[in-house]
PDB file of N, CA and C in Angstrom:
ATOM      1  N   MET A   1       0.827  -1.180   0.000  1.00  0.00           N
ATOM      2  CA  MET A   1       0.000   0.000   0.000  1.00  0.00           C
ATOM      3  C   MET A   1       0.881   1.257   0.000  1.00  0.00           C
ATOM      4  N   ASN A   2       0.399   2.282  -0.614  1.00  0.00           N
ATOM      5  CA  ASN A   2       1.119   3.551  -0.624  1.00  0.00           C
ATOM      6  C   ASN A   2       0.759   4.353   0.613  1.00  0.00           C
ATOM      7  N   ASP A   3       1.774   4.787   1.310  1.00  0.00           N
ATOM      8  CA  ASP A   3       1.565   5.601   2.507  1.00  0.00           C
ATOM      9  C   ASP A   3       1.498   7.069   2.080  1.00  0.00           C
ATOM     10  N   PRO A   4       0.420   7.803   2.459  1.00  0.00           N
ATOM     11  CA  PRO A   4       0.306   9.210   2.032  1.00  0.00           C
ATOM     12  C   PRO A   4       1.391  10.101   2.610  1.00  0.00           C
ATOM     13  N   SER A   5       1.984   9.716   3.730  1.00  0.00           N
ATOM     14  CA  SER A   5       3.023  10.554   4.323  1.00  0.00           C
ATOM     15  C   SER A   5       4.410  10.209   3.806  1.00  0.00           C
ATOM     16  N   GLU A   6       4.476   9.272   2.862  1.00  0.00           N
ATOM     17  CA  GLU A   6       5.761   8.867   2.307  1.00  0.00           C
ATOM     18  C   GLU A   6       6.377  10.026   1.521  1.00  0.00           C
ATOM     19  N   GLY A   7       7.622  10.305   1.773  1.00  0.00           N
ATOM     20  CA  GLY A   7       8.313  11.383   1.078  1.00  0.00           C
ATOM     21  C   GLY A   7       8.229  12.720   1.798  1.00  0.00           C
ATOM     22  N   MET A   8       7.505  12.788   2.886  1.00  0.00           N
ATOM     23  CA  MET A   8       7.388  14.034   3.647  1.00  0.00           C
ATOM     24  C   MET A   8       8.103  13.853   4.986  1.00  0.00           C
ATOM     25  N   THR A   9       9.383  13.938   4.953  1.00  0.00           N
ATOM     26  CA  THR A   9      10.138  13.717   6.179  1.00  0.00           C
ATOM     27  C   THR A   9      10.651  15.038   6.719  1.00  0.00           C
ATOM     28  N   GLY A  10      10.127  15.456   7.836  1.00  0.00           N
ATOM     29  CA  GLY A  10      10.627  16.621   8.544  1.00  0.00           C
ATOM     30  C   GLY A  10      10.402  17.961   7.894  1.00  0.00           C
ATOM     31  N   GLN A  11       9.522  18.071   6.932  1.00  0.00           N
ATOM     32  CA  GLN A  11       9.274  19.366   6.309  1.00  0.00           C
ATOM     33  C   GLN A  11       8.165  20.082   7.065  1.00  0.00           C
ATOM     34  N   VAL A  12       8.438  21.313   7.415  1.00  0.00           N
ATOM     35  CA  VAL A  12       7.466  22.126   8.134  1.00  0.00           C
ATOM     36  C   VAL A  12       7.058  23.284   7.245  1.00  0.00           C
ATOM     37  N   ALA A  13       5.776  23.514   7.153  1.00  0.00           N
ATOM     38  CA  ALA A  13       5.289  24.645   6.357  1.00  0.00           C
ATOM     39  C   ALA A  13       5.696  25.948   7.031  1.00  0.00           C
ATOM     40  N   PRO A  14       6.129  26.935   6.258  1.00  0.00           N
ATOM     41  CA  PRO A  14       6.516  28.208   6.866  1.00  0.00           C
ATOM     42  C   PRO A  14       5.301  28.896   7.481  1.00  0.00           C
ATOM     43  N   THR A  15       5.525  29.441   8.656  1.00  0.00           N
ATOM     44  CA  THR A  15       4.438  30.128   9.338  1.00  0.00           C
ATOM     45  C   THR A  15       4.417  31.585   8.922  1.00  0.00           C
ATOM     46  N   GLY A  16       3.271  32.182   9.015  1.00  0.00           N
ATOM     47  CA  GLY A  16       3.130  33.586   8.669  1.00  0.00           C
ATOM     48  C   GLY A  16       3.284  34.470   9.882  1.00  0.00           C
ATOM     49  N   ASN A  17       3.063  35.737   9.679  1.00  0.00           N
ATOM     50  CA  ASN A  17       3.127  36.709  10.759  1.00  0.00           C
ATOM     51  C   ASN A  17       1.855  37.539  10.683  1.00  0.00           C
ATOM     52  N   GLY A  18       0.775  36.960  11.179  1.00  0.00           N
ATOM     53  CA  GLY A  18      -0.527  37.603  11.097  1.00  0.00           C
ATOM     54  C   GLY A  18      -0.597  38.934  11.812  1.00  0.00           C
ATOM     55  N   MET A  19       0.179  39.085  12.874  1.00  0.00           N
ATOM     56  CA  MET A  19       0.169  40.346  13.614  1.00  0.00           C
ATOM     57  C   MET A  19       0.744  41.482  12.774  1.00  0.00           C
ATOM     58  N   ALA A  20       1.786  41.203  12.018  1.00  0.00           N
ATOM     59  CA  ALA A  20       2.371  42.237  11.151  1.00  0.00           C
ATOM     60  C   ALA A  20       1.391  42.629  10.060  1.00  0.00           C
ATOM     61  N   VAL A  21       0.733  41.643   9.479  1.00  0.00           N
ATOM     62  CA  VAL A  21      -0.250  41.918   8.427  1.00  0.00           C
ATOM     63  C   VAL A  21      -1.425  42.706   9.004  1.00  0.00           C
ATOM     64  N   ALA A  22      -1.913  42.298  10.171  1.00  0.00           N
ATOM     65  CA  ALA A  22      -3.042  42.996  10.799  1.00  0.00           C
ATOM     66  C   ALA A  22      -2.668  44.432  11.152  1.00  0.00           C
ATOM     67  N   GLY A  23      -1.458  44.641  11.652  1.00  0.00           N
ATOM     68  CA  GLY A  23      -1.008  45.996  11.984  1.00  0.00           C
ATOM     69  C   GLY A  23      -0.939  46.893  10.766  1.00  0.00           C
ATOM     70  N   MET A  24      -0.432  46.369   9.677  1.00  0.00           N
ATOM     71  CA  MET A  24      -0.345  47.152   8.438  1.00  0.00           C
ATOM     72  C   MET A  24      -1.730  47.457   7.891  1.00  0.00           C
ATOM     73  N   VAL A  25      -2.616  46.473   7.907  1.00  0.00           N
ATOM     74  CA  VAL A  25      -3.981  46.684   7.405  1.00  0.00           C
ATOM     75  C   VAL A  25      -4.704  47.713   8.263  1.00  0.00           C
ATOM     76  N   LEU A  26      -4.560  47.638   9.581  1.00  0.00           N
ATOM     77  CA  LEU A  26      -5.223  48.619  10.448  1.00  0.00           C
ATOM     78  C   LEU A  26      -4.651  50.020  10.261  1.00  0.00           C
ATOM     79  N   ALA A  27      -3.360  50.124  10.035  1.00  0.00           N
ATOM     80  CA  ALA A  27      -2.762  51.437   9.786  1.00  0.00           C
ATOM     81  C   ALA A  27      -3.289  52.032   8.481  1.00  0.00           C
ATOM     82  N   ILE A  28      -3.419  51.200   7.453  1.00  0.00           N
ATOM     83  CA  ILE A  28      -3.965  51.686   6.182  1.00  0.00           C
ATOM     84  C   ILE A  28      -5.432  52.054   6.338  1.00  0.00           C
ATOM     85  N   CYS A  29      -6.193  51.257   7.083  1.00  0.00           N
ATOM     86  CA  CYS A  29      -7.607  51.588   7.337  1.00  0.00           C
ATOM     87  C   CYS A  29      -7.733  52.906   8.091  1.00  0.00           C
ATOM     88  N   ALA A  30      -6.814  53.158   9.014  1.00  0.00           N
ATOM     89  CA  ALA A  30      -6.860  54.413   9.757  1.00  0.00           C
ATOM     90  C   ALA A  30      -6.608  55.603   8.842  1.00  0.00           C
ATOM     91  N   VAL A  31      -5.712  55.444   7.873  1.00  0.00           N
ATOM     92  CA  VAL A  31      -5.463  56.523   6.921  1.00  0.00           C
ATOM     93  C   VAL A  31      -6.704  56.769   6.075  1.00  0.00           C
ATOM     94  N   VAL A  32      -7.328  55.688   5.617  1.00  0.00           N
ATOM     95  CA  VAL A  32      -8.516  55.812   4.768  1.00  0.00           C
ATOM     96  C   VAL A  32      -9.691  56.381   5.558  1.00  0.00           C
ATOM     97  N   LEU A  33      -9.819  55.975   6.817  1.00  0.00           N
ATOM     98  CA  LEU A  33     -10.942  56.421   7.653  1.00  0.00           C
ATOM     99  C   LEU A  33     -10.561  57.600   8.536  1.00  0.00           C
ATOM    100  N   SER A  34      -9.640  58.428   8.085  1.00  0.00           N
ATOM    101  CA  SER A  34      -9.166  59.534   8.918  1.00  0.00           C
ATOM    102  C   SER A  34     -10.240  60.577   9.211  1.00  0.00           C
ATOM    103  N   TRP A  35     -11.311  60.575   8.482  1.00  0.00           N
ATOM    104  CA  TRP A  35     -12.389  61.538   8.717  1.00  0.00           C
ATOM    105  C   TRP A  35     -13.352  61.072   9.806  1.00  0.00           C
ATOM    106  N   MET A  36     -13.176  59.883  10.346  1.00  0.00           N
ATOM    107  CA  MET A  36     -14.018  59.357  11.425  1.00  0.00           C
ATOM    108  C   MET A  36     -13.177  59.307  12.703  1.00  0.00           C
ATOM    109  N   PRO A  37     -13.300  60.291  13.587  1.00  0.00           N
ATOM    110  CA  PRO A  37     -12.357  60.451  14.702  1.00  0.00           C
ATOM    111  C   PRO A  37     -12.225  59.240  15.629  1.00  0.00           C
ATOM    112  N   VAL A  38     -13.296  58.684  16.120  1.00  0.00           N
ATOM    113  CA  VAL A  38     -13.199  57.610  17.103  1.00  0.00           C
ATOM    114  C   VAL A  38     -12.661  56.333  16.457  1.00  0.00           C
ATOM    115  N   ILE A  39     -13.187  55.979  15.300  1.00  0.00           N
ATOM    116  CA  ILE A  39     -12.725  54.786  14.594  1.00  0.00           C
ATOM    117  C   ILE A  39     -11.273  54.966  14.154  1.00  0.00           C
ATOM    118  N   ASN A  40     -10.932  56.170  13.747  1.00  0.00           N
ATOM    119  CA  ASN A  40      -9.576  56.475  13.315  1.00  0.00           C
ATOM    120  C   ASN A  40      -8.582  56.237  14.439  1.00  0.00           C
ATOM    121  N   PHE A  41      -8.864  56.776  15.619  1.00  0.00           N
ATOM    122  CA  PHE A  41      -7.940  56.624  16.737  1.00  0.00           C
ATOM    123  C   PHE A  41      -7.824  55.168  17.165  1.00  0.00           C
ATOM    124  N   ALA A  42      -8.944  54.446  17.157  1.00  0.00           N
ATOM    125  CA  ALA A  42      -8.921  53.023  17.522  1.00  0.00           C
ATOM    126  C   ALA A  42      -8.078  52.233  16.524  1.00  0.00           C
ATOM    127  N   CYS A  43      -8.217  52.535  15.241  1.00  0.00           N
ATOM    128  CA  CYS A  43      -7.412  51.837  14.217  1.00  0.00           C
ATOM    129  C   CYS A  43      -5.934  52.152  14.371  1.00  0.00           C
ATOM    130  N   TRP A  44      -5.607  53.417  14.648  1.00  0.00           N
ATOM    131  CA  TRP A  44      -4.203  53.780  14.842  1.00  0.00           C
ATOM    132  C   TRP A  44      -3.624  53.018  16.024  1.00  0.00           C
ATOM    133  N   LEU A  45      -4.356  53.009  17.135  1.00  0.00           N
ATOM    134  CA  LEU A  45      -3.851  52.370  18.348  1.00  0.00           C
ATOM    135  C   LEU A  45      -3.695  50.864  18.163  1.00  0.00           C
ATOM    136  N   LEU A  46      -4.713  50.215  17.595  1.00  0.00           N
ATOM    137  CA  LEU A  46      -4.622  48.771  17.356  1.00  0.00           C
ATOM    138  C   LEU A  46      -3.543  48.445  16.326  1.00  0.00           C
ATOM    139  N   GLY A  47      -3.405  49.290  15.312  1.00  0.00           N
ATOM    140  CA  GLY A  47      -2.343  49.101  14.327  1.00  0.00           C
ATOM    141  C   GLY A  47      -0.966  49.185  14.959  1.00  0.00           C
ATOM    142  N   LEU A  48      -0.809  50.102  15.899  1.00  0.00           N
ATOM    143  CA  LEU A  48       0.460  50.249  16.611  1.00  0.00           C
ATOM    144  C   LEU A  48       0.763  48.999  17.442  1.00  0.00           C
ATOM    145  N   ILE A  49      -0.233  48.518  18.164  1.00  0.00           N
ATOM    146  CA  ILE A  49      -0.040  47.343  19.018  1.00  0.00           C
ATOM    147  C   ILE A  49       0.261  46.106  18.177  1.00  0.00           C
ATOM    148  N   PHE A  50      -0.551  45.864  17.149  1.00  0.00           N
ATOM    149  CA  PHE A  50      -0.349  44.678  16.319  1.00  0.00           C
ATOM    150  C   PHE A  50       0.981  44.732  15.573  1.00  0.00           C
ATOM    151  N   SER A  51       1.369  45.915  15.115  1.00  0.00           N
ATOM    152  CA  SER A  51       2.645  46.034  14.408  1.00  0.00           C
ATOM    153  C   SER A  51       3.815  45.791  15.351  1.00  0.00           C
ATOM    154  N   ALA A  52       3.712  46.263  16.584  1.00  0.00           N
ATOM    155  CA  ALA A  52       4.783  46.035  17.554  1.00  0.00           C
ATOM    156  C   ALA A  52       4.922  44.544  17.866  1.00  0.00           C
ATOM    157  N   VAL A  53       3.795  43.867  18.038  1.00  0.00           N
ATOM    158  CA  VAL A  53       3.841  42.418  18.284  1.00  0.00           C
ATOM    159  C   VAL A  53       4.362  41.688  17.042  1.00  0.00           C
ATOM    160  N   GLY A  54       3.943  42.130  15.856  1.00  0.00           N
ATOM    161  CA  GLY A  54       4.434  41.538  14.619  1.00  0.00           C
ATOM    162  C   GLY A  54       5.925  41.732  14.444  1.00  0.00           C
ATOM    163  N   LEU A  55       6.434  42.897  14.846  1.00  0.00           N
ATOM    164  CA  LEU A  55       7.878  43.143  14.762  1.00  0.00           C
ATOM    165  C   LEU A  55       8.628  42.249  15.740  1.00  0.00           C
ATOM    166  N   ARG A  56       8.062  42.062  16.922  1.00  0.00           N
ATOM    167  CA  ARG A  56       8.691  41.158  17.886  1.00  0.00           C
ATOM    168  C   ARG A  56       8.732  39.731  17.333  1.00  0.00           C
ATOM    169  N   ASN A  57       7.627  39.299  16.724  1.00  0.00           N
ATOM    170  CA  ASN A  57       7.603  37.970  16.110  1.00  0.00           C
ATOM    171  C   ASN A  57       8.600  37.870  14.957  1.00  0.00           C
ATOM    172  N   ALA A  58       8.721  38.941  14.179  1.00  0.00           N
ATOM    173  CA  ALA A  58       9.664  38.934  13.050  1.00  0.00           C
ATOM    174  C   ALA A  58      11.103  38.868  13.547  1.00  0.00           C
ATOM    175  N   ASN A  59      11.383  39.490  14.665  1.00  0.00           N
ATOM    176  CA  ASN A  59      12.730  39.420  15.225  1.00  0.00           C
ATOM    177  C   ASN A  59      13.043  38.018  15.741  1.00  0.00           C
ATOM    178  N   ARG A  60      12.007  37.232  15.972  1.00  0.00           N
ATOM    179  CA  ARG A  60      12.189  35.848  16.419  1.00  0.00           C
ATOM    180  C   ARG A  60      12.163  34.867  15.256  1.00  0.00           C
ATOM    181  N   GLY A  61      12.125  35.355  14.032  1.00  0.00           N
ATOM    182  CA  GLY A  61      12.232  34.486  12.879  1.00  0.00           C
ATOM    183  C   GLY A  61      11.017  34.439  11.971  1.00  0.00           C
ATOM    184  N   ALA A  62       9.944  35.100  12.324  1.00  0.00           N
ATOM    185  CA  ALA A  62       8.754  35.107  11.471  1.00  0.00           C
ATOM    186  C   ALA A  62       8.985  36.044  10.276  1.00  0.00           C
ATOM    187  N   PRO A  63       8.263  35.831   9.192  1.00  0.00           N
ATOM    188  CA  PRO A  63       8.429  36.694   8.013  1.00  0.00           C
ATOM    189  C   PRO A  63       7.720  38.039   8.179  1.00  0.00           C
ATOM    190  N   TYR A  64       7.802  38.863   7.160  1.00  0.00           N
ATOM    191  CA  TYR A  64       7.111  40.157   7.057  1.00  0.00           C
ATOM    192  C   TYR A  64       7.632  41.191   8.059  1.00  0.00           C
ATOM    193  N   ARG A  65       8.927  41.246   8.245  1.00  0.00           N
ATOM    194  CA  ARG A  65       9.501  42.247   9.147  1.00  0.00           C
ATOM    195  C   ARG A  65       9.278  43.656   8.595  1.00  0.00           C
ATOM    196  N   GLY A  66       9.439  43.814   7.295  1.00  0.00           N
ATOM    197  CA  GLY A  66       9.241  45.122   6.670  1.00  0.00           C
ATOM    198  C   GLY A  66       7.809  45.609   6.799  1.00  0.00           C
ATOM    199  N   MET A  67       6.861  44.694   6.694  1.00  0.00           N
ATOM    200  CA  MET A  67       5.463  45.068   6.840  1.00  0.00           C
ATOM    201  C   MET A  67       5.172  45.519   8.273  1.00  0.00           C
ATOM    202  N   ALA A  68       5.783  44.856   9.241  1.00  0.00           N
ATOM    203  CA  ALA A  68       5.598  45.250  10.638  1.00  0.00           C
ATOM    204  C   ALA A  68       6.195  46.633  10.893  1.00  0.00           C
ATOM    205  N   ILE A  69       7.358  46.898  10.317  1.00  0.00           N
ATOM    206  CA  ILE A  69       7.991  48.206  10.494  1.00  0.00           C
ATOM    207  C   ILE A  69       7.162  49.297   9.821  1.00  0.00           C
ATOM    208  N   ALA A  70       6.645  49.018   8.633  1.00  0.00           N
ATOM    209  CA  ALA A  70       5.819  50.010   7.931  1.00  0.00           C
ATOM    210  C   ALA A  70       4.533  50.292   8.712  1.00  0.00           C
ATOM    211  N   GLY A  71       3.882  49.259   9.222  1.00  0.00           N
ATOM    212  CA  GLY A  71       2.678  49.458  10.028  1.00  0.00           C
ATOM    213  C   GLY A  71       2.976  50.247  11.285  1.00  0.00           C
ATOM    214  N   LEU A  72       4.115  49.967  11.908  1.00  0.00           N
ATOM    215  CA  LEU A  72       4.513  50.691  13.109  1.00  0.00           C
ATOM    216  C   LEU A  72       4.781  52.162  12.797  1.00  0.00           C
ATOM    217  N   ALA A  73       5.464  52.436  11.697  1.00  0.00           N
ATOM    218  CA  ALA A  73       5.782  53.821  11.326  1.00  0.00           C
ATOM    219  C   ALA A  73       4.518  54.607  10.980  1.00  0.00           C
ATOM    220  N   ILE A  74       3.624  54.006  10.211  1.00  0.00           N
ATOM    221  CA  ILE A  74       2.382  54.688   9.849  1.00  0.00           C
ATOM    222  C   ILE A  74       1.539  54.946  11.085  1.00  0.00           C
ATOM    223  N   SER A  75       1.455  53.970  11.972  1.00  0.00           N
ATOM    224  CA  SER A  75       0.653  54.128  13.184  1.00  0.00           C
ATOM    225  C   SER A  75       1.227  55.198  14.102  1.00  0.00           C
ATOM    226  N   LEU A  76       2.545  55.189  14.291  1.00  0.00           N
ATOM    227  CA  LEU A  76       3.163  56.210  15.137  1.00  0.00           C
ATOM    228  C   LEU A  76       2.977  57.609  14.555  1.00  0.00           C
ATOM    229  N   ALA A  77       3.165  57.739  13.247  1.00  0.00           N
ATOM    230  CA  ALA A  77       2.983  59.046  12.615  1.00  0.00           C
ATOM    231  C   ALA A  77       1.534  59.512  12.753  1.00  0.00           C
ATOM    232  N   GLY A  78       0.591  58.611  12.590  1.00  0.00           N
ATOM    233  CA  GLY A  78      -0.816  58.966  12.719  1.00  0.00           C
ATOM    234  C   GLY A  78      -1.184  59.387  14.126  1.00  0.00           C
ATOM    235  N   ILE A  79      -0.674  58.675  15.123  1.00  0.00           N
ATOM    236  CA  ILE A  79      -0.980  59.026  16.513  1.00  0.00           C
ATOM    237  C   ILE A  79      -0.382  60.385  16.856  1.00  0.00           C
ATOM    238  N   VAL A  80       0.841  60.645  16.407  1.00  0.00           N
ATOM    239  CA  VAL A  80       1.456  61.957  16.659  1.00  0.00           C
ATOM    240  C   VAL A  80       0.642  63.062  15.982  1.00  0.00           C
ATOM    241  N   LEU A  81       0.198  62.827  14.749  1.00  0.00           N
ATOM    242  CA  LEU A  81      -0.608  63.833  14.050  1.00  0.00           C
ATOM    243  C   LEU A  81      -1.944  64.079  14.752  1.00  0.00           C
ATOM    244  N   ILE A  82      -2.565  63.024  15.252  1.00  0.00           N
ATOM    245  CA  ILE A  82      -3.831  63.183  15.965  1.00  0.00           C
ATOM    246  C   ILE A  82      -3.622  64.002  17.241  1.00  0.00           C
ATOM    247  N   ILE A  83      -2.563  63.711  17.991  1.00  0.00           N
ATOM    248  CA  ILE A  83      -2.288  64.451  19.223  1.00  0.00           C
ATOM    249  C   ILE A  83      -2.001  65.916  18.911  1.00  0.00           C
ATOM    250  N   LEU A  84      -1.205  66.182  17.868  1.00  0.00           N
ATOM    251  CA  LEU A  84      -0.935  67.576  17.488  1.00  0.00           C
ATOM    252  C   LEU A  84      -2.202  68.291  17.037  1.00  0.00           C
ATOM    253  N   LEU A  85      -3.069  67.582  16.332  1.00  0.00           N
ATOM    254  CA  LEU A  85      -4.331  68.171  15.899  1.00  0.00           C
ATOM    255  C   LEU A  85      -5.217  68.517  17.092  1.00  0.00           C
ATOM    256  N   ILE A  86      -5.295  67.637  18.059  1.00  0.00           N
ATOM    257  CA  ILE A  86      -6.103  67.895  19.255  1.00  0.00           C
ATOM    258  C   ILE A  86      -5.540  69.092  20.027  1.00  0.00           C
ATOM    259  N   ILE A  87      -4.217  69.168  20.155  1.00  0.00           N
ATOM    260  CA  ILE A  87      -3.610  70.297  20.863  1.00  0.00           C
ATOM    261  C   ILE A  87      -3.848  71.591  20.107  1.00  0.00           C
ATOM    262  N   SER A  88      -3.707  71.580  18.783  1.00  0.00           N
ATOM    263  CA  SER A  88      -3.898  72.812  18.013  1.00  0.00           C
ATOM    264  C   SER A  88      -5.348  73.259  18.032  1.00  0.00           C
ATOM    265  N   ILE A  89      -6.286  72.347  17.979  1.00  0.00           N
ATOM    266  CA  ILE A  89      -7.700  72.725  18.078  1.00  0.00           C
ATOM    267  C   ILE A  89      -7.997  73.281  19.446  1.00  0.00           C
ATOM    268  N   GLY A  90      -7.403  72.690  20.487  1.00  0.00           N
ATOM    269  CA  GLY A  90      -7.593  73.190  21.837  1.00  0.00           C
ATOM    270  C   GLY A  90      -7.042  74.597  22.011  1.00  0.00           C
ATOM    271  N   MET A  91      -5.928  74.903  21.340  1.00  0.00           N
ATOM    272  CA  MET A  91      -5.341  76.240  21.444  1.00  0.00           C
ATOM    273  C   MET A  91      -6.169  77.274  20.688  1.00  0.00           C
ATOM    274  N   VAL A  92      -6.783  76.869  19.600  1.00  0.00           N
ATOM    275  CA  VAL A  92      -7.583  77.799  18.815  1.00  0.00           C
ATOM    276  C   VAL A  92      -8.858  78.161  19.556  1.00  0.00           C
ATOM    277  N   PHE A  93      -9.496  77.168  20.144  1.00  0.00           N
ATOM    278  CA  PHE A  93     -10.781  77.399  20.782  1.00  0.00           C
ATOM    279  C   PHE A  93     -10.668  77.680  22.280  1.00  0.00           C
ATOM    280  N   ALA A  94      -9.454  77.878  22.789  1.00  0.00           N
ATOM    281  CA  ALA A  94      -9.272  78.196  24.201  1.00  0.00           C
ATOM    282  C   ALA A  94      -9.727  79.643  24.436  1.00  0.00           C
ATOM    283  N   PRO A  95     -10.347  79.901  25.585  1.00  0.00           N
ATOM    284  CA  PRO A  95     -10.817  81.280  25.851  1.00  0.00           C
ATOM    285  C   PRO A  95      -9.692  82.240  26.136  1.00  0.00           C
TER     286      PRO A  95
END
């Protein structure tokens, strides 16, 4: 009889880095949804967290290190811009 596992000795399928992909997707969604304040901030924050975890996984050997770094950079830039926008609006409308 033919064994279905014959010829497959010790091969492991490469694992992905879902956190890096999720961080990048959330950062891009935050850019696209920048006109929706609450959803925008939530996407930036989650994108930052997922990208940081994805970068940690990539440093341990998982793929998509560049995607994790890009998601982290976009998320950090977005959060800084949101904070500066809130401060500038507060200064304009301050009594």
